[in-house]
Amino acid sequence: MVLLYRDREERLHVVLTLRHAGLRGHSGQVSFPGGRQDAQDNSLAETAIRETCEEIGICRDRIRVLGGMPGLYIPTSHHDVYPTVGYCETLPGFRPNPQEVAEVFSFALDDLLHPRFRREERRMIRGYDVWVPYYDVGGHKVWGATAILLSELEERLRRVLPERVLLELG
């Protein structure tokens, strides 16, 4: 779930979670709320809403589904990710599930457009020394599939915002 909301200053924010360190997969990493589709889920949007409710306590009655983003195949986990974009009409009062989520945080969506949030670092991945791009969000390194989805959001913002706004930001 790419969950958006407006803060008190009317800036649009996007919600991320820091996964609990004790989880089997992707422990300690930053992600969007979400998970696997269950048999009772009638759609991918229902899955995203259910998982968002389970993980951070923002449930169906508070989320308006705006649409979806293109699917993304994650080679390392062999999963397809189909993000749903939702909007929370009021300031969310997060209630993270402590067994799944160590922290819930958000940042202003327009921050994606500032070069100062984009970084790179060297990592060894499967025996290869590679440069890995990431976003520095509130002291968290957002990389991998989450960074790819944020990059997609960034690119979509760049396509729709007036050039004068982009020049002021960057």
Protein backbone atom coordinates (compact mmCIF):
# COMPACT_ATOMS: atom_id res chain seq x y z
CA MET A 1 0.00 0.00 0.00
CA VAL A 2 1.38 3.34 -1.06
CA LEU A 3 -0.56 5.26 1.58
CA LEU A 4 -0.79 9.02 1.22
CA TYR A 5 -2.15 11.69 3.56
CA ARG A 6 -1.92 15.46 4.03
CA ASP A 7 -0.17 16.89 7.09
CA ARG A 8 -1.30 20.01 8.97
CA GLU A 9 0.57 22.18 6.45
CA GLU A 10 -1.30 20.45 3.59
CA ARG A 11 1.85 18.68 2.31
CA LEU A 12 1.20 15.26 0.86
CA HIS A 13 3.04 12.50 2.76
CA VAL A 14 3.80 8.86 1.97
CA VAL A 15 3.94 6.20 4.71
CA LEU A 16 6.76 3.68 5.19
CA THR A 17 7.50 1.07 7.82
CA LEU A 18 10.67 -0.32 9.32
CA ARG A 19 10.21 -4.07 9.47
CA HIS A 20 10.80 -5.79 12.81
CA ALA A 21 14.33 -7.20 13.16
CA GLY A 22 12.98 -10.64 14.10
CA LEU A 23 11.07 -11.28 10.88
CA ARG A 24 12.20 -14.03 8.54
CA GLY A 25 12.23 -12.07 5.31
CA HIS A 26 13.61 -8.57 4.81
CA SER A 27 13.98 -8.00 8.55
CA GLY A 28 15.09 -4.52 9.56
CA GLN A 29 14.38 -3.10 6.11
CA VAL A 30 12.16 -0.20 5.14
CA SER A 31 9.05 -1.09 3.19
CA PHE A 32 5.55 -0.05 2.33
CA PRO A 33 2.79 -1.76 4.33
CA GLY A 34 1.69 -4.90 2.54
CA GLY A 35 2.09 -8.60 2.11
CA ARG A 36 0.85 -11.72 0.39
CA GLN A 37 -2.62 -12.16 -0.95
CA ASP A 38 -4.79 -14.50 1.13
CA ALA A 39 -7.52 -16.75 -0.26
CA GLN A 40 -10.23 -14.52 1.27
CA ASP A 41 -8.91 -11.39 -0.51
CA ASN A 42 -11.06 -10.68 -3.57
CA SER A 43 -8.53 -8.29 -5.12
CA LEU A 44 -5.01 -6.98 -4.75
CA ALA A 45 -6.46 -3.74 -3.37
CA GLU A 46 -8.22 -5.77 -0.65
CA THR A 47 -4.92 -7.44 0.17
CA ALA A 48 -3.18 -4.06 0.48
CA ILE A 49 -5.94 -2.70 2.73
CA ARG A 50 -6.00 -5.80 4.96
CA GLU A 51 -2.22 -5.83 5.32
CA THR A 52 -2.13 -2.08 6.04
CA CYS A 53 -4.70 -2.59 8.78
CA GLU A 54 -2.79 -5.55 10.26
CA GLU A 55 0.60 -3.83 10.13
CA ILE A 56 -0.07 -0.19 11.04
CA GLY A 57 -3.69 -0.04 12.21
CA ILE A 58 -5.07 2.07 9.35
CA CYS A 59 -8.09 0.11 8.15
CA ARG A 60 -10.60 -0.02 5.32
CA ASP A 61 -12.88 2.72 6.64
CA ARG A 62 -9.99 5.22 6.62
CA ILE A 63 -8.49 4.42 3.19
CA ARG A 64 -9.80 5.58 -0.16
CA VAL A 65 -8.21 3.56 -2.97
CA LEU A 66 -6.94 5.88 -5.70
CA GLY A 67 -5.64 3.20 -8.05
CA GLY A 68 -2.66 1.00 -8.67
CA MET A 69 0.88 1.24 -9.92
CA PRO A 70 2.53 -1.06 -12.46
CA GLY A 71 3.55 -4.46 -11.14
CA LEU A 72 7.17 -5.11 -10.26
CA TYR A 73 9.00 -8.45 -10.28
CA ILE A 74 11.56 -8.83 -7.47
CA PRO A 75 14.21 -11.36 -8.63
CA THR A 76 15.81 -11.92 -5.20
CA SER A 77 12.54 -13.08 -3.61
CA HIS A 78 10.80 -14.29 -6.79
CA HIS A 79 7.73 -12.21 -5.95
CA ASP A 80 5.56 -9.93 -8.02
CA VAL A 81 4.55 -6.71 -6.24
CA TYR A 82 1.38 -4.87 -7.28
CA PRO A 83 1.21 -1.58 -5.35
CA THR A 84 -2.15 -0.07 -4.51
CA VAL A 85 -2.25 3.68 -3.93
CA GLY A 86 -4.54 4.79 -1.13
CA TYR A 87 -5.39 8.06 0.54
CA CYS A 88 -6.18 8.65 4.20
CA GLU A 89 -8.51 11.65 4.51
CA THR A 90 -7.37 12.51 8.05
CA LEU A 91 -4.03 12.48 9.84
CA PRO A 92 -3.35 8.82 10.54
CA GLY A 93 -3.00 7.62 14.11
CA PHE A 94 -0.68 4.70 13.47
CA ARG A 95 -0.96 1.60 15.65
CA PRO A 96 1.94 -0.56 14.49
CA ASN A 97 1.84 -4.30 15.08
CA PRO A 98 4.97 -4.76 17.25
CA GLN A 99 5.58 -8.27 15.92
CA GLU A 100 5.85 -7.01 12.34
CA VAL A 101 6.70 -3.31 12.46
CA ALA A 102 9.48 -1.65 14.46
CA GLU A 103 8.58 1.86 13.31
CA VAL A 104 6.09 3.73 11.13
CA PHE A 105 7.23 6.98 9.58
CA SER A 106 6.35 9.24 6.70
CA PHE A 107 7.89 11.97 4.64
CA ALA A 108 6.61 14.68 2.34
CA LEU A 109 6.15 13.34 -1.16
CA ASP A 110 7.78 16.40 -2.72
CA ASP A 111 11.00 15.48 -0.88
CA LEU A 112 11.42 12.74 -3.50
CA LEU A 113 12.23 15.50 -5.95
CA HIS A 114 15.19 16.86 -3.97
CA PRO A 115 18.56 15.43 -5.03
CA ARG A 116 19.78 15.50 -1.41
CA PHE A 117 17.58 12.46 -0.62
CA ARG A 118 19.19 10.26 -3.30
CA ARG A 119 22.39 8.43 -2.43
CA GLU A 120 24.52 5.49 -3.56
CA GLU A 121 26.71 3.06 -1.70
CA ARG A 122 28.82 0.05 -2.54
CA ARG A 123 27.50 -3.34 -1.49
CA MET A 124 28.43 -6.94 -2.04
CA ILE A 125 25.42 -8.66 -3.55
CA ARG A 126 25.73 -12.33 -4.47
CA GLY A 127 29.49 -11.96 -4.67
CA TYR A 128 29.43 -8.84 -6.83
CA ASP A 129 30.65 -5.42 -5.76
CA VAL A 130 27.92 -3.05 -6.97
CA TRP A 131 26.76 0.52 -6.50
CA VAL A 132 23.30 0.48 -4.96
CA PRO A 133 21.04 3.54 -5.14
CA TYR A 134 18.90 4.40 -2.14
CA TYR A 135 16.86 7.20 -0.63
CA ASP A 136 17.95 8.68 2.69
CA VAL A 137 14.64 9.21 4.48
CA GLY A 138 14.77 10.29 8.10
CA GLY A 139 18.06 8.50 8.65
CA HIS A 140 16.75 5.28 7.06
CA LYS A 141 18.28 3.76 3.94
CA VAL A 142 15.41 2.97 1.61
CA TRP A 143 16.67 0.63 -1.09
CA GLY A 144 15.61 -2.40 -3.11
CA ALA A 145 12.00 -2.78 -4.19
CA THR A 146 10.84 0.06 -1.94
CA ALA A 147 13.32 2.45 -3.56
CA ILE A 148 12.24 1.28 -7.01
CA LEU A 149 8.62 2.11 -6.16
CA LEU A 150 9.63 5.48 -4.73
CA SER A 151 11.59 6.14 -7.91
CA GLU A 152 8.45 5.37 -9.92
CA LEU A 153 6.50 7.87 -7.78
CA GLU A 154 9.26 10.43 -8.25
CA GLU A 155 9.20 10.02 -12.02
CA ARG A 156 5.41 10.35 -12.12
CA LEU A 157 5.63 13.57 -10.08
CA ARG A 158 8.26 14.93 -12.45
CA ARG A 159 5.94 14.28 -15.40
CA VAL A 160 2.97 16.16 -13.96
CA LEU A 161 4.50 19.06 -12.03
CA PRO A 162 5.11 22.36 -13.81
CA GLU A 163 8.74 23.01 -14.73
CA ARG A 164 8.90 26.11 -12.49
CA VAL A 165 8.05 23.96 -9.45
CA LEU A 166 10.75 21.44 -10.37
CA LEU A 167 13.32 24.22 -10.79
CA GLU A 168 12.48 25.61 -7.34
CA LEU A 169 12.99 22.20 -5.75
CA GLY A 170 16.16 21.12 -7.35
